[in-house]
């Protein structure tokens, strides 16, 4: 049941809504300047303190759940999330015997739940939060431009160790060509820029009223992502930014078409290319990266899943991707596709979960059009970039994706079938 909430969120308390908004703002700030923060921690030998940022996600949800439990009004999302995480975690423990991997997998999906509750607080933020997002957008763009322009940041190429995991910060790709050079700016990696900047751009484009400002922001964002050389993000962002910059009359319909098209590609491409051999060039802007996925990454991912899955339940929570570094470092596979990651985590249940999200995206809008439009756009971007990247593993992308799902859950509703009495039916 949908209760009265604050600011288009799924939170029924003004104080908790404020807490969620503040924590989300600080979390996005840390993500946007993660390389700088990690470098500072590296200098003082406190690399593991970066994990404190996760408390910005965990603490608000814990206190909200505790408050609702004391009032005997616990939101169903908490129970559903906990039940699903427990079930799929047991699957992983049964397949590869790694409770740590299951915890890592739950950490990956934690931002989805936070985003679900925050929903409109992130998707359609208040004026103050909008200004904060605009500031972070400018900071990210400046960092990318500086590094692309030849500035060598002191954190470029450093490696930190947290627990038993080695973490690259602003990886040095040793590319001498200025045009092809991958840059991360103040973020941890070029993928981080290509994940958070489009999401911030989508939210801000939906807030801007003047068409010239929208066109200018979209152009700068596409240019900044182009500098990262993350081709998947560029391909996903361009049509979505184009839709948001045109007249708003049919934006929702066009975004729904983009969602279906990108989802079909994300699911179909790793399947129809099995065993495919293709010619490719060399270099950042060639088809080499796609060839590597087709020839190695995706087939190896399917092989790992087939050899370790439990029936049709997949490998389990954390069954592929980052968590593998804990229990199978020699077989680590980034999956580089959202559909492969979802199936590896959830098996056939992943089809159910994706189908439910798709149904919410296609349902009639019964709430705020202003909130649904950016939610559809972010969902389309996630599926688009997800063709060549497991975007759910990215903290910012999963946060915005969870907010998009939470907004669609609240602002859309299935059409009700009108009730007809027996007498009415006889009359008809």
Foldseek 3Di string as FASTA:
>chain_A
DQDDPPQLFSHNDPVLLVLLLVLVLVLLVCQLQVLVVCVVCVVVVNNQCVCVNLCSLVVSVVVSQVVCVVVVNHDVLVVVLVVQLVVLLVLLCVQQNDNLLSVLLCSLLSLLSSLLRNQSCQLANDPVSLVSLVVSLVQQLVQLVCVLVPDDDPSQFDWDDHDNDIATFNYAPPDPPSQQGAGRGSHRGLVSLLQQNLLSLLSNLLVDDDLVVLVVSLVSSLVSNSSNLLVLSNVLRVVLSVLSSDDPPCSLVVLLVLLVVLLCLLVPVLPVLAVPDDDWDDGSPICVLVRCCSPPQSVLLVVQQVVRGDPQQASGRSQAAPSCCVRPVVSHGNNQAQVSVLCNHGGVVSVVVVVVLSVLSPADFQADPSSLSSLSSLSSSCSSSRSGGNCSSPSNSSNSNSSSSSSSVPGGDHDDDDDDDPVRVVVD
